[in-house]
Each structure stands twice: as C-alpha cells, then as structure tokens.
Protein backbone atom coordinates (compact mmCIF):
# COMPACT_ATOMS: atom_id res chain seq x y z
CA UNK A 1 141.08 55.60 125.83
CA UNK A 2 143.97 55.63 128.32
CA UNK A 3 147.40 54.68 127.06
CA UNK A 4 151.01 55.64 126.93
CA UNK A 5 152.00 59.00 125.52
CA UNK A 6 154.96 59.47 123.20
CA UNK A 7 156.39 62.92 122.51
CA UNK A 8 156.53 63.42 118.72
CA UNK A 9 157.22 66.40 116.52
CA UNK A 10 154.20 67.96 114.80
CA UNK A 11 154.86 70.54 112.01
CA UNK A 12 152.07 72.77 113.24
CA UNK A 13 152.33 72.41 117.04
CA UNK A 14 155.95 71.38 117.69
CA UNK A 15 156.46 68.67 120.34
CA UNK A 16 153.14 66.99 121.12
CA UNK A 17 152.37 64.09 123.46
CA UNK A 18 150.55 61.55 121.28
CA UNK A 19 148.71 58.55 122.76
CA UNK A 20 150.10 55.16 121.70
CA UNK A 21 149.23 51.58 122.55
CA UNK A 22 145.97 52.29 124.34
CA UNK A 23 143.77 49.25 125.11
CA UNK A 24 140.51 48.52 126.84
CA UNK A 25 137.89 45.80 127.15
CA UNK A 26 134.50 46.51 125.57
CA UNK A 27 131.10 44.89 125.02
CA UNK A 28 128.45 46.17 122.62
CA UNK A 29 125.38 43.93 123.03
CA UNK A 30 123.44 45.87 120.38
CA UNK A 31 126.03 45.64 117.60
CA UNK A 32 125.22 43.79 114.39
CA UNK A 33 128.74 42.35 114.55
CA UNK A 34 128.57 39.26 116.82
CA UNK A 35 132.26 39.66 117.77
CA UNK A 36 131.35 42.89 119.54
CA UNK A 37 128.43 41.34 121.47
CA UNK A 38 130.84 39.62 123.89
CA UNK A 39 133.79 41.02 125.84
CA UNK A 40 136.61 41.84 123.42
CA UNK A 41 139.75 43.98 123.27
CA UNK A 42 139.91 47.37 121.57
CA UNK A 43 143.43 48.51 120.79
CA UNK A 44 144.44 51.96 119.57
CA UNK A 45 148.05 51.52 118.36
CA UNK A 46 148.25 55.16 117.36
CA UNK A 47 145.89 58.10 117.61
CA UNK A 48 142.75 57.49 115.49
CA UNK A 49 143.87 54.00 114.44
CA UNK A 50 141.59 51.43 116.11
CA UNK A 51 141.61 47.61 116.14
CA UNK A 52 138.19 46.59 117.46
CA UNK A 53 136.63 43.21 118.28
CA UNK A 54 139.86 41.39 119.11
CA UNK A 55 139.51 37.96 120.64
CA UNK A 56 142.01 36.93 123.32
CA UNK A 57 144.01 35.10 120.64
CA UNK A 58 144.05 38.10 118.32
CA UNK A 59 144.97 40.41 121.19
CA UNK A 60 147.80 38.05 122.10
CA UNK A 61 149.04 38.22 118.49
CA UNK A 62 149.06 42.03 118.66
CA UNK A 63 151.07 41.85 121.91
CA UNK A 64 153.50 39.49 120.22
CA UNK A 65 153.99 41.91 117.35
CA UNK A 66 154.62 44.77 119.77
CA UNK A 67 157.17 42.61 121.63
CA UNK A 68 158.95 41.85 118.34
CA UNK A 69 159.10 45.55 117.51
CA UNK A 70 160.47 46.26 120.99
CA UNK A 71 163.27 43.70 120.40
CA UNK A 72 164.12 45.47 117.13
CA UNK A 73 164.13 48.90 118.85
CA UNK A 74 166.49 47.56 121.54
CA UNK A 75 168.78 46.15 118.83
CA UNK A 76 168.94 49.51 117.06
CA UNK A 77 169.53 51.25 120.39
CA UNK A 78 172.51 48.98 121.08
CA UNK A 79 173.84 49.68 117.58
CA UNK A 80 173.49 53.42 118.17
CA UNK A 81 175.40 53.20 121.44
CA UNK A 82 178.15 51.18 119.73
CA UNK A 83 178.35 53.67 116.85
CA UNK A 84 178.64 56.59 119.27
CA UNK A 85 181.33 54.76 121.26
CA UNK A 86 183.30 54.11 118.03
CA UNK A 87 183.38 57.80 117.20
CA UNK A 88 184.25 58.81 120.76
CA UNK A 89 180.88 60.29 121.68
CA UNK A 90 179.43 57.48 123.77
C-alpha cells in the first residue's frame, strides 16, 4: 500500500524507512462483512497495523485525529525551538 515513509531506528537494521499513513480505496464483493462489499477506505497507520472497512465518516474521523496529532507535534516543535533559543543553541 503506498504511503509516506518515515526514517526510524531499528535495533537490528539501524535507520529504516518505515511506511506510515498509507491509505487506499477497496471493494471486496465476496466478503462476509457487508461493510467490505461496497467501496471503503483501508488505512495503514503504521506497518502491519490496518484499519479496514472505513466509511467516509470513519475515515474523516481518522483524518481529524491525525490533524490533532499534527497540531500537537507542531506545538512541541515550537517548544523545542524556544528551549534551544533559551540556552543559546537555536
């Protein structure tokens, strides 16, 4: 599944590009799960973690959660820059 890649440290392999936030549209007309019989979103937030059968509303909720995490990451980034500036390293 195509997605972004994030460089992370792996104890065995060192720096490894790991797929994150991959998403695609899928239909499985033969599934016993009726949610999968119609077009739905499949999201892989992290390698081997899959959220399948997402309706547009559920997919929008996932996007909202990712946006909220992004806001928090930007807040921490700003705090880091401020902390570095305070100690003369920014």
